Amino acid sequence: MSAIGGAWFPISLMPEFIQQLSKLTLVYWAMEGFSSVLWSGHGLLQLAPVLGVLAAITAAVMGAALWRFNRGNLFS
C-alpha cells in the first residue's frame, strides 16, 4: 500500500489505472493530508475533506473488524 499510495514516490509517475486504484488506500489520503499541511500550509478547514475520507475508511474497516469479531470462534 505504501508504494501504490504514493509514500515512496509520486503517484503521477504511475500508470493511470494505478493512480485511480491508489485513491482507495489509506496511504494516499494520509499523503494528501501531509502534503497539504507541509507544502501548501493548509489549516484544519482545508483538511476537512481528507480527514472525512480517512474517517470513512476507518469506520468501514472498524465495522468489518467488529462484525468479524462478533461472529466468534476467532480463538478456537
N, C-alpha and C. Protein backbone atom coordinates (compact mmCIF):
# COMPACT_ATOMS: atom_id res chain seq x y z
N MET A 1 0.81 -1.19 0.00
CA MET A 1 0.00 0.00 0.00
C MET A 1 0.86 1.26 0.00
N SER A 2 2.05 1.19 0.57
CA SER A 2 2.89 2.38 0.61
C SER A 2 3.31 2.83 -0.78
N ALA A 3 3.70 1.87 -1.60
CA ALA A 3 4.13 2.22 -2.96
C ALA A 3 2.95 2.70 -3.79
N ILE A 4 1.83 2.00 -3.72
CA ILE A 4 0.67 2.37 -4.52
C ILE A 4 0.06 3.68 -4.02
N GLY A 5 0.12 3.93 -2.72
CA GLY A 5 -0.47 5.13 -2.14
C GLY A 5 0.34 6.39 -2.32
N GLY A 6 1.58 6.27 -2.76
CA GLY A 6 2.38 7.46 -3.03
C GLY A 6 3.37 7.83 -1.94
N ALA A 7 3.63 6.93 -1.00
CA ALA A 7 4.58 7.25 0.07
C ALA A 7 6.03 7.11 -0.41
N TRP A 8 6.27 6.25 -1.37
CA TRP A 8 7.64 6.03 -1.84
C TRP A 8 8.03 6.98 -2.95
N PHE A 9 7.09 7.26 -3.85
CA PHE A 9 7.33 8.17 -4.96
C PHE A 9 5.98 8.71 -5.41
N PRO A 10 5.97 9.82 -6.14
CA PRO A 10 4.69 10.44 -6.52
C PRO A 10 3.84 9.52 -7.40
N ILE A 11 2.55 9.53 -7.16
CA ILE A 11 1.68 8.68 -7.96
C ILE A 11 1.57 9.17 -9.40
N SER A 12 1.96 10.41 -9.64
CA SER A 12 1.93 10.93 -11.01
C SER A 12 2.90 10.17 -11.93
N LEU A 13 3.84 9.45 -11.36
CA LEU A 13 4.77 8.65 -12.16
C LEU A 13 4.21 7.28 -12.51
N MET A 14 3.05 6.94 -11.95
CA MET A 14 2.45 5.62 -12.16
C MET A 14 1.47 5.66 -13.32
N PRO A 15 1.14 4.50 -13.87
CA PRO A 15 0.11 4.44 -14.92
C PRO A 15 -1.24 4.94 -14.39
N GLU A 16 -2.09 5.37 -15.30
CA GLU A 16 -3.38 5.98 -14.93
C GLU A 16 -4.24 5.04 -14.09
N PHE A 17 -4.30 3.76 -14.41
CA PHE A 17 -5.16 2.85 -13.66
C PHE A 17 -4.65 2.67 -12.22
N ILE A 18 -3.36 2.74 -12.00
CA ILE A 18 -2.82 2.65 -10.63
C ILE A 18 -3.09 3.95 -9.89
N GLN A 19 -3.07 5.07 -10.59
CA GLN A 19 -3.40 6.35 -9.95
C GLN A 19 -4.82 6.31 -9.42
N GLN A 20 -5.73 5.72 -10.18
CA GLN A 20 -7.12 5.61 -9.72
C GLN A 20 -7.23 4.61 -8.58
N LEU A 21 -6.51 3.50 -8.66
CA LEU A 21 -6.53 2.48 -7.62
C LEU A 21 -5.95 3.02 -6.32
N SER A 22 -4.97 3.89 -6.41
CA SER A 22 -4.31 4.42 -5.20
C SER A 22 -5.27 5.21 -4.34
N LYS A 23 -6.31 5.78 -4.92
CA LYS A 23 -7.28 6.57 -4.16
C LYS A 23 -8.12 5.73 -3.21
N LEU A 24 -7.98 4.41 -3.29
CA LEU A 24 -8.69 3.51 -2.39
C LEU A 24 -7.85 3.13 -1.17
N THR A 25 -6.64 3.66 -1.06
CA THR A 25 -5.76 3.29 0.04
C THR A 25 -5.69 4.38 1.11
N LEU A 26 -5.44 3.96 2.33
CA LEU A 26 -5.24 4.91 3.42
C LEU A 26 -3.99 5.75 3.19
N VAL A 27 -2.97 5.15 2.62
CA VAL A 27 -1.70 5.85 2.42
C VAL A 27 -1.89 7.05 1.50
N TYR A 28 -2.66 6.89 0.44
CA TYR A 28 -2.90 8.00 -0.48
C TYR A 28 -3.49 9.20 0.26
N TRP A 29 -4.53 8.95 1.05
CA TRP A 29 -5.20 10.04 1.74
C TRP A 29 -4.34 10.64 2.85
N ALA A 30 -3.53 9.80 3.51
CA ALA A 30 -2.60 10.33 4.51
C ALA A 30 -1.55 11.22 3.84
N MET A 31 -1.04 10.79 2.70
CA MET A 31 -0.05 11.58 1.98
C MET A 31 -0.66 12.88 1.46
N GLU A 32 -1.90 12.83 1.03
CA GLU A 32 -2.59 14.06 0.61
C GLU A 32 -2.67 15.05 1.77
N GLY A 33 -3.02 14.54 2.95
CA GLY A 33 -3.10 15.40 4.12
C GLY A 33 -1.74 15.97 4.51
N PHE A 34 -0.72 15.11 4.53
CA PHE A 34 0.63 15.58 4.87
C PHE A 34 1.10 16.64 3.89
N SER A 35 0.92 16.38 2.61
CA SER A 35 1.41 17.35 1.62
C SER A 35 0.61 18.66 1.68
N SER A 36 -0.68 18.57 1.99
CA SER A 36 -1.47 19.79 2.14
C SER A 36 -0.97 20.67 3.27
N VAL A 37 -0.59 20.04 4.36
CA VAL A 37 -0.10 20.80 5.51
C VAL A 37 1.33 21.27 5.29
N LEU A 38 2.20 20.36 4.85
CA LEU A 38 3.61 20.70 4.75
C LEU A 38 3.94 21.64 3.59
N TRP A 39 3.36 21.42 2.42
CA TRP A 39 3.74 22.19 1.24
C TRP A 39 2.79 23.33 0.94
N SER A 40 1.53 23.19 1.28
CA SER A 40 0.56 24.24 0.97
C SER A 40 0.17 25.08 2.18
N GLY A 41 0.52 24.62 3.37
CA GLY A 41 0.21 25.38 4.58
C GLY A 41 -1.28 25.42 4.91
N HIS A 42 -2.03 24.42 4.47
CA HIS A 42 -3.46 24.39 4.73
C HIS A 42 -3.74 24.17 6.21
N GLY A 43 -4.86 24.70 6.63
CA GLY A 43 -5.30 24.53 8.01
C GLY A 43 -6.34 23.42 8.11
N LEU A 44 -6.96 23.35 9.27
CA LEU A 44 -7.93 22.29 9.55
C LEU A 44 -9.13 22.34 8.61
N LEU A 45 -9.58 23.52 8.27
CA LEU A 45 -10.75 23.65 7.39
C LEU A 45 -10.47 23.10 5.99
N GLN A 46 -9.28 23.37 5.47
CA GLN A 46 -8.93 22.85 4.15
C GLN A 46 -8.65 21.34 4.19
N LEU A 47 -8.31 20.83 5.37
CA LEU A 47 -8.05 19.39 5.50
C LEU A 47 -9.32 18.58 5.73
N ALA A 48 -10.44 19.23 5.94
CA ALA A 48 -11.69 18.54 6.27
C ALA A 48 -12.06 17.44 5.27
N PRO A 49 -11.96 17.65 3.95
CA PRO A 49 -12.31 16.55 3.03
C PRO A 49 -11.39 15.34 3.18
N VAL A 50 -10.11 15.57 3.34
CA VAL A 50 -9.16 14.46 3.50
C VAL A 50 -9.44 13.74 4.82
N LEU A 51 -9.66 14.49 5.88
CA LEU A 51 -9.95 13.87 7.17
C LEU A 51 -11.28 13.12 7.13
N GLY A 52 -12.24 13.62 6.36
CA GLY A 52 -13.51 12.92 6.20
C GLY A 52 -13.35 11.58 5.51
N VAL A 53 -12.53 11.54 4.47
CA VAL A 53 -12.28 10.27 3.77
C VAL A 53 -11.56 9.30 4.69
N LEU A 54 -10.56 9.79 5.42
CA LEU A 54 -9.84 8.92 6.36
C LEU A 54 -10.78 8.39 7.44
N ALA A 55 -11.68 9.22 7.93
CA ALA A 55 -12.64 8.78 8.93
C ALA A 55 -13.61 7.75 8.37
N ALA A 56 -14.03 7.93 7.12
CA ALA A 56 -14.94 6.97 6.49
C ALA A 56 -14.27 5.62 6.29
N ILE A 57 -13.03 5.63 5.84
CA ILE A 57 -12.29 4.37 5.67
C ILE A 57 -12.10 3.70 7.02
N THR A 58 -11.77 4.49 8.04
CA THR A 58 -11.60 3.95 9.39
C THR A 58 -12.89 3.32 9.89
N ALA A 59 -14.02 3.99 9.69
CA ALA A 59 -15.30 3.46 10.13
C ALA A 59 -15.65 2.16 9.40
N ALA A 60 -15.37 2.10 8.10
CA ALA A 60 -15.66 0.88 7.34
C ALA A 60 -14.81 -0.30 7.80
N VAL A 61 -13.52 -0.05 8.01
CA VAL A 61 -12.63 -1.13 8.46
C VAL A 61 -12.99 -1.55 9.88
N MET A 62 -13.29 -0.59 10.74
CA MET A 62 -13.69 -0.91 12.11
C MET A 62 -15.00 -1.70 12.13
N GLY A 63 -15.93 -1.31 11.27
CA GLY A 63 -17.19 -2.06 11.18
C GLY A 63 -16.96 -3.50 10.74
N ALA A 64 -16.11 -3.70 9.75
CA ALA A 64 -15.80 -5.06 9.30
C ALA A 64 -15.09 -5.86 10.39
N ALA A 65 -14.20 -5.22 11.12
CA ALA A 65 -13.48 -5.91 12.20
C ALA A 65 -14.43 -6.29 13.33
N LEU A 66 -15.32 -5.38 13.72
CA LEU A 66 -16.28 -5.70 14.77
C LEU A 66 -17.24 -6.80 14.35
N TRP A 67 -17.68 -6.75 13.12
CA TRP A 67 -18.57 -7.80 12.60
C TRP A 67 -17.87 -9.15 12.67
N ARG A 68 -16.62 -9.18 12.24
CA ARG A 68 -15.87 -10.44 12.25
C ARG A 68 -15.62 -10.91 13.68
N PHE A 69 -15.28 -9.99 14.57
CA PHE A 69 -15.04 -10.35 15.96
C PHE A 69 -16.30 -10.88 16.61
N ASN A 70 -17.44 -10.27 16.35
CA ASN A 70 -18.70 -10.69 16.97
C ASN A 70 -19.22 -12.01 16.43
N ARG A 71 -18.72 -12.44 15.29
CA ARG A 71 -19.12 -13.76 14.77
C ARG A 71 -18.57 -14.87 15.63
N GLY A 72 -17.55 -14.59 16.44
CA GLY A 72 -16.99 -15.56 17.37
C GLY A 72 -16.07 -16.57 16.71
N ASN A 73 -15.65 -17.53 17.51
CA ASN A 73 -14.77 -18.62 17.05
C ASN A 73 -13.45 -18.12 16.48
N LEU A 74 -12.99 -16.97 16.93
CA LEU A 74 -11.72 -16.47 16.43
C LEU A 74 -10.53 -17.20 17.05
N PHE A 75 -10.66 -17.61 18.29
CA PHE A 75 -9.52 -18.16 19.01
C PHE A 75 -9.68 -19.64 19.35
N SER A 76 -10.59 -20.31 18.69
CA SER A 76 -10.76 -21.74 19.00
C SER A 76 -10.29 -22.63 17.87
